[in-house]
Amino acid sequence: MSDLYQLEHKILPGLLFADKEGRGMSPFLLGNSFSEICLDILRRMHGIDDEDGDVGYSADDFAAEPITVKDNGKPAYYITRLRFPFMESMSFSTLCPRIYMVHGLQGENLHYYTIEYDQTGFEPGSYWLCGWVPGKNGGLIHANMGTIGLDEGEEVRYLADKCNAYFGIV
C-alpha cells in the first residue's frame, strides 16, 4: 500500500475525526498547515528525523484551498479542497487527486470526501466520490457515493448541494 494511500485514507481521517475522548485535529489546523503536516507524516512513515529529509515530494505537491459557502451573503460553512500529488497510472489506483473537508464555521460537523481514481475496479479510468464517517463502534466507515467527473467546480457544486441542508441552507 502506498504512502499516499495511507495518508489519504487512513492517517488524515484518523487525525481529524474525534477519538473516544473527543480529541481530533482541527480542520483549520490541517487546512492552514496542510503541506507541512503531510510532509511531516511522510517523513515519520519513512523514519526520517530531519525536517528537511526527502520523501519524494515537496511542499508544492500539497495544497489547501478554503472555500466559503454562503447563505444570504453570510458564511454558512466551509469546504476545504486538499490537493495531493497525483498521476493516473495502473500502480496508483484509489489514490486521490483531491480530498474535501466540509465543516461548520467553528470546525464542527466534519465531513471528509475523497475523489478516488479507479483504474482497476468497477469502471476503470473513472473517478469516484467517497465519503468517510465515524462508525458507531469506533473506526471510520468508507462509503462509495458513485462516479463523478473530474471537474473541480462540479465537485464543489455537488458537495454543496449535498451538504446545504445539513448546514441549514434550504
C-alpha atoms as a PDB file:
ATOM      1  CA  MET A   1       0.000   0.000   0.000  1.00  0.00           C
ATOM      2  CA  SER A   2       1.483   3.353  -0.976  1.00  0.00           C
ATOM      3  CA  ASP A   3       2.396   6.074   1.488  1.00  0.00           C
ATOM      4  CA  LEU A   4      -0.053   8.478  -0.160  1.00  0.00           C
ATOM      5  CA  TYR A   5      -2.869   5.938   0.154  1.00  0.00           C
ATOM      6  CA  GLN A   6      -2.121   5.560   3.871  1.00  0.00           C
ATOM      7  CA  LEU A   7      -2.039   9.340   4.266  1.00  0.00           C
ATOM      8  CA  GLU A   8      -5.281   9.989   2.352  1.00  0.00           C
ATOM      9  CA  HIS A   9      -7.379   7.033   3.512  1.00  0.00           C
ATOM     10  CA  LYS A  10      -6.141   6.205   6.995  1.00  0.00           C
ATOM     11  CA  ILE A  11      -3.959   8.802   8.686  1.00  0.00           C
ATOM     12  CA  LEU A  12      -5.705  12.102   7.860  1.00  0.00           C
ATOM     13  CA  PRO A  13      -9.256  10.871   8.557  1.00  0.00           C
ATOM     14  CA  GLY A  14      -7.954   9.223  11.738  1.00  0.00           C
ATOM     15  CA  LEU A  15      -6.436  12.510  12.883  1.00  0.00           C
ATOM     16  CA  LEU A  16      -9.475  14.633  12.007  1.00  0.00           C
ATOM     17  CA  PHE A  17     -12.308  12.610  13.490  1.00  0.00           C
ATOM     18  CA  ALA A  18     -12.545  12.696  17.257  1.00  0.00           C
ATOM     19  CA  ASP A  19     -11.433   9.668  19.215  1.00  0.00           C
ATOM     20  CA  LYS A  20     -13.347   8.233  22.197  1.00  0.00           C
ATOM     21  CA  GLU A  21     -12.040  11.069  24.384  1.00  0.00           C
ATOM     22  CA  GLY A  22     -13.338  13.648  21.896  1.00  0.00           C
ATOM     23  CA  ARG A  23      -9.885  14.614  20.603  1.00  0.00           C
ATOM     24  CA  GLY A  24      -9.376  15.268  16.923  1.00  0.00           C
ATOM     25  CA  MET A  25      -7.284  17.629  14.822  1.00  0.00           C
ATOM     26  CA  SER A  26      -8.939  20.894  13.927  1.00  0.00           C
ATOM     27  CA  PRO A  27      -9.790  21.073  10.215  1.00  0.00           C
ATOM     28  CA  PHE A  28      -8.495  24.665  10.374  1.00  0.00           C
ATOM     29  CA  LEU A  29      -5.085  23.452  11.585  1.00  0.00           C
ATOM     30  CA  LEU A  30      -4.912  20.876   8.801  1.00  0.00           C
ATOM     31  CA  GLY A  31      -6.005  23.398   6.179  1.00  0.00           C
ATOM     32  CA  ASN A  32      -3.579  26.087   7.345  1.00  0.00           C
ATOM     33  CA  SER A  33      -0.555  23.760   7.632  1.00  0.00           C
ATOM     34  CA  PHE A  34      -1.502  21.091   5.102  1.00  0.00           C
ATOM     35  CA  SER A  35       1.739  20.675   3.159  1.00  0.00           C
ATOM     36  CA  GLU A  36       3.883  20.780   6.304  1.00  0.00           C
ATOM     37  CA  ILE A  37       1.681  18.219   8.079  1.00  0.00           C
ATOM     38  CA  CYS A  38       1.670  15.868   5.074  1.00  0.00           C
ATOM     39  CA  LEU A  39       5.446  16.045   4.671  1.00  0.00           C
ATOM     40  CA  ASP A  40       5.979  15.521   8.406  1.00  0.00           C
ATOM     41  CA  ILE A  41       3.739  12.436   8.372  1.00  0.00           C
ATOM     42  CA  LEU A  42       5.531  11.025   5.322  1.00  0.00           C
ATOM     43  CA  ARG A  43       8.932  11.624   6.963  1.00  0.00           C
ATOM     44  CA  ARG A  44       7.761   9.805  10.091  1.00  0.00           C
ATOM     45  CA  MET A  45       6.467   6.923   7.964  1.00  0.00           C
ATOM     46  CA  HIS A  46       9.992   6.613   6.496  1.00  0.00           C
ATOM     47  CA  GLY A  47      11.767   7.053   9.835  1.00  0.00           C
ATOM     48  CA  ILE A  48      13.354  10.330   8.729  1.00  0.00           C
ATOM     49  CA  ASP A  49      14.126  12.600  11.692  1.00  0.00           C
ATOM     50  CA  ASP A  50      15.493  15.518   9.652  1.00  0.00           C
ATOM     51  CA  GLU A  51      12.718  18.038   8.939  1.00  0.00           C
ATOM     52  CA  ASP A  52      14.308  18.649   5.539  1.00  0.00           C
ATOM     53  CA  GLY A  53      14.571  14.925   4.766  1.00  0.00           C
ATOM     54  CA  ASP A  54      13.479  13.963   1.245  1.00  0.00           C
ATOM     55  CA  VAL A  55      10.362  11.783   0.939  1.00  0.00           C
ATOM     56  CA  GLY A  56       9.979  12.202  -2.811  1.00  0.00           C
ATOM     57  CA  TYR A  57       7.527  15.102  -2.570  1.00  0.00           C
ATOM     58  CA  SER A  58       7.849  18.816  -1.890  1.00  0.00           C
ATOM     59  CA  ALA A  59       5.585  21.299  -0.133  1.00  0.00           C
ATOM     60  CA  ASP A  60       4.372  22.438  -3.570  1.00  0.00           C
ATOM     61  CA  ASP A  61       2.885  18.956  -4.166  1.00  0.00           C
ATOM     62  CA  PHE A  62       0.310  19.522  -1.402  1.00  0.00           C
ATOM     63  CA  ALA A  63      -2.083  22.478  -1.314  1.00  0.00           C
ATOM     64  CA  ALA A  64      -5.180  23.533   0.614  1.00  0.00           C
ATOM     65  CA  GLU A  65      -7.783  25.919  -0.756  1.00  0.00           C
ATOM     66  CA  PRO A  66     -10.541  27.248   1.532  1.00  0.00           C
ATOM     67  CA  ILE A  67     -13.989  27.849   0.033  1.00  0.00           C
ATOM     68  CA  THR A  68     -16.703  29.691   1.954  1.00  0.00           C
ATOM     69  CA  VAL A  69     -20.280  28.626   1.254  1.00  0.00           C
ATOM     70  CA  LYS A  70     -22.654  31.497   1.962  1.00  0.00           C
ATOM     71  CA  ASP A  71     -26.342  31.734   2.725  1.00  0.00           C
ATOM     72  CA  ASN A  72     -27.901  35.150   2.004  1.00  0.00           C
ATOM     73  CA  GLY A  73     -24.428  36.693   1.826  1.00  0.00           C
ATOM     74  CA  LYS A  74     -23.270  35.331   5.210  1.00  0.00           C
ATOM     75  CA  PRO A  75     -20.849  32.431   5.698  1.00  0.00           C
ATOM     76  CA  ALA A  76     -22.773  29.212   6.380  1.00  0.00           C
ATOM     77  CA  TYR A  77     -19.992  26.596   6.304  1.00  0.00           C
ATOM     78  CA  TYR A  78     -16.602  25.859   4.778  1.00  0.00           C
ATOM     79  CA  ILE A  79     -15.287  23.478   2.153  1.00  0.00           C
ATOM     80  CA  THR A  80     -11.533  22.990   2.042  1.00  0.00           C
ATOM     81  CA  ARG A  81     -10.100  21.428  -1.105  1.00  0.00           C
ATOM     82  CA  LEU A  82      -6.915  19.465  -0.381  1.00  0.00           C
ATOM     83  CA  ARG A  83      -4.677  18.698  -3.360  1.00  0.00           C
ATOM     84  CA  PHE A  84      -2.292  15.751  -3.435  1.00  0.00           C
ATOM     85  CA  PRO A  85       0.453  14.648  -5.819  1.00  0.00           C
ATOM     86  CA  PHE A  86      -1.342  12.502  -8.386  1.00  0.00           C
ATOM     87  CA  MET A  87      -0.810  10.786 -11.701  1.00  0.00           C
ATOM     88  CA  GLU A  88      -3.184   8.420 -13.495  1.00  0.00           C
ATOM     89  CA  SER A  89      -1.483   5.039 -13.592  1.00  0.00           C
ATOM     90  CA  MET A  90      -2.162   1.345 -13.066  1.00  0.00           C
ATOM     91  CA  SER A  91       0.026   1.424  -9.973  1.00  0.00           C
ATOM     92  CA  PHE A  92      -1.853   4.324  -8.387  1.00  0.00           C
ATOM     93  CA  SER A  93      -5.430   3.007  -8.288  1.00  0.00           C
ATOM     94  CA  THR A  94      -7.588   4.514  -5.493  1.00  0.00           C
ATOM     95  CA  LEU A  95      -5.257   7.430  -4.890  1.00  0.00           C
ATOM     96  CA  CYS A  96      -6.830  10.857  -4.631  1.00  0.00           C
ATOM     97  CA  PRO A  97      -6.069  13.940  -6.671  1.00  0.00           C
ATOM     98  CA  ARG A  98      -8.254  15.830  -4.197  1.00  0.00           C
ATOM     99  CA  ILE A  99      -9.969  15.486  -0.853  1.00  0.00           C
ATOM    100  CA  TYR A 100     -12.629  17.824   0.501  1.00  0.00           C
ATOM    101  CA  MET A 101     -13.248  18.675   4.147  1.00  0.00           C
ATOM    102  CA  VAL A 102     -16.659  20.193   4.805  1.00  0.00           C
ATOM    103  CA  HIS A 103     -17.398  21.627   8.245  1.00  0.00           C
ATOM    104  CA  GLY A 104     -19.230  24.295  10.197  1.00  0.00           C
ATOM    105  CA  LEU A 105     -17.913  27.771  10.939  1.00  0.00           C
ATOM    106  CA  GLN A 106     -16.237  26.607  14.168  1.00  0.00           C
ATOM    107  CA  GLY A 107     -14.847  23.384  12.661  1.00  0.00           C
ATOM    108  CA  GLU A 108     -17.763  21.266  13.872  1.00  0.00           C
ATOM    109  CA  ASN A 109     -19.714  18.589  11.971  1.00  0.00           C
ATOM    110  CA  LEU A 110     -16.781  17.480   9.868  1.00  0.00           C
ATOM    111  CA  HIS A 111     -17.377  15.644   6.591  1.00  0.00           C
ATOM    112  CA  TYR A 112     -14.430  14.090   4.697  1.00  0.00           C
ATOM    113  CA  TYR A 113     -14.796  13.302   0.989  1.00  0.00           C
ATOM    114  CA  THR A 114     -12.259  11.725  -1.321  1.00  0.00           C
ATOM    115  CA  ILE A 115     -12.093  11.865  -5.113  1.00  0.00           C
ATOM    116  CA  GLU A 116     -10.584   8.456  -5.884  1.00  0.00           C
ATOM    117  CA  TYR A 117      -9.087   7.284  -9.141  1.00  0.00           C
ATOM    118  CA  ASP A 118     -10.361   3.821 -10.088  1.00  0.00           C
ATOM    119  CA  GLN A 119      -8.001   2.137 -12.519  1.00  0.00           C
ATOM    120  CA  THR A 120      -8.860  -1.478 -11.775  1.00  0.00           C
ATOM    121  CA  GLY A 121     -12.323  -1.559 -10.211  1.00  0.00           C
ATOM    122  CA  PHE A 122     -15.905  -1.142 -11.383  1.00  0.00           C
ATOM    123  CA  GLU A 123     -15.250   1.465 -14.066  1.00  0.00           C
ATOM    124  CA  PRO A 124     -11.515   1.572 -14.889  1.00  0.00           C
ATOM    125  CA  GLY A 125     -10.239   5.067 -15.570  1.00  0.00           C
ATOM    126  CA  SER A 126     -13.094   6.747 -13.697  1.00  0.00           C
ATOM    127  CA  TYR A 127     -13.193   8.831 -10.521  1.00  0.00           C
ATOM    128  CA  TRP A 128     -15.374   8.072  -7.518  1.00  0.00           C
ATOM    129  CA  LEU A 129     -16.669  10.343  -4.799  1.00  0.00           C
ATOM    130  CA  CYS A 130     -16.349   8.605  -1.466  1.00  0.00           C
ATOM    131  CA  GLY A 131     -17.386   9.768   1.984  1.00  0.00           C
ATOM    132  CA  TRP A 132     -15.857   8.978   5.352  1.00  0.00           C
ATOM    133  CA  VAL A 133     -17.882   8.972   8.546  1.00  0.00           C
ATOM    134  CA  PRO A 134     -17.222   7.772  12.085  1.00  0.00           C
ATOM    135  CA  GLY A 135     -18.673   4.320  12.810  1.00  0.00           C
ATOM    136  CA  LYS A 136     -20.990   3.713  15.763  1.00  0.00           C
ATOM    137  CA  ASN A 137     -18.473   1.369  17.400  1.00  0.00           C
ATOM    138  CA  GLY A 138     -15.389   3.418  16.585  1.00  0.00           C
ATOM    139  CA  GLY A 139     -13.301   3.448  13.451  1.00  0.00           C
ATOM    140  CA  LEU A 140     -14.292   5.041  10.173  1.00  0.00           C
ATOM    141  CA  ILE A 141     -16.711   3.886   7.505  1.00  0.00           C
ATOM    142  CA  HIS A 142     -15.831   4.400   3.839  1.00  0.00           C
ATOM    143  CA  ALA A 143     -18.870   4.850   1.576  1.00  0.00           C
ATOM    144  CA  ASN A 144     -18.729   4.866  -2.231  1.00  0.00           C
ATOM    145  CA  MET A 145     -21.104   7.546  -3.490  1.00  0.00           C
ATOM    146  CA  GLY A 146     -20.735   6.920  -7.222  1.00  0.00           C
ATOM    147  CA  THR A 147     -18.671   8.196 -10.098  1.00  0.00           C
ATOM    148  CA  ILE A 148     -18.003  11.873 -10.539  1.00  0.00           C
ATOM    149  CA  GLY A 149     -16.465  13.919 -13.343  1.00  0.00           C
ATOM    150  CA  LEU A 150     -13.027  15.348 -12.852  1.00  0.00           C
ATOM    151  CA  ASP A 151     -14.107  18.990 -12.837  1.00  0.00           C
ATOM    152  CA  GLU A 152     -13.331  20.808  -9.595  1.00  0.00           C
ATOM    153  CA  GLY A 153     -16.249  23.212  -9.981  1.00  0.00           C
ATOM    154  CA  GLU A 154     -18.610  20.263 -10.438  1.00  0.00           C
ATOM    155  CA  GLU A 155     -17.164  18.584  -7.361  1.00  0.00           C
ATOM    156  CA  VAL A 156     -17.709  21.660  -5.185  1.00  0.00           C
ATOM    157  CA  ARG A 157     -21.253  22.230  -6.520  1.00  0.00           C
ATOM    158  CA  TYR A 158     -22.145  18.586  -5.897  1.00  0.00           C
ATOM    159  CA  LEU A 159     -20.787  18.661  -2.340  1.00  0.00           C
ATOM    160  CA  ALA A 160     -22.505  21.977  -1.599  1.00  0.00           C
ATOM    161  CA  ASP A 161     -25.825  20.616  -2.905  1.00  0.00           C
ATOM    162  CA  LYS A 162     -25.342  17.524  -0.758  1.00  0.00           C
ATOM    163  CA  CYS A 163     -24.343  19.475   2.377  1.00  0.00           C
ATOM    164  CA  ASN A 164     -26.554  22.586   2.200  1.00  0.00           C
ATOM    165  CA  ALA A 165     -29.497  21.069   4.068  1.00  0.00           C
ATOM    166  CA  TYR A 166     -27.192  19.591   6.697  1.00  0.00           C
ATOM    167  CA  PHE A 167     -25.829  23.077   7.434  1.00  0.00           C
ATOM    168  CA  GLY A 168     -29.261  24.743   7.386  1.00  0.00           C
ATOM    169  CA  ILE A 169     -29.431  26.094   3.843  1.00  0.00           C
ATOM    170  CA  VAL A 170     -32.662  25.174   2.068  1.00  0.00           C
END
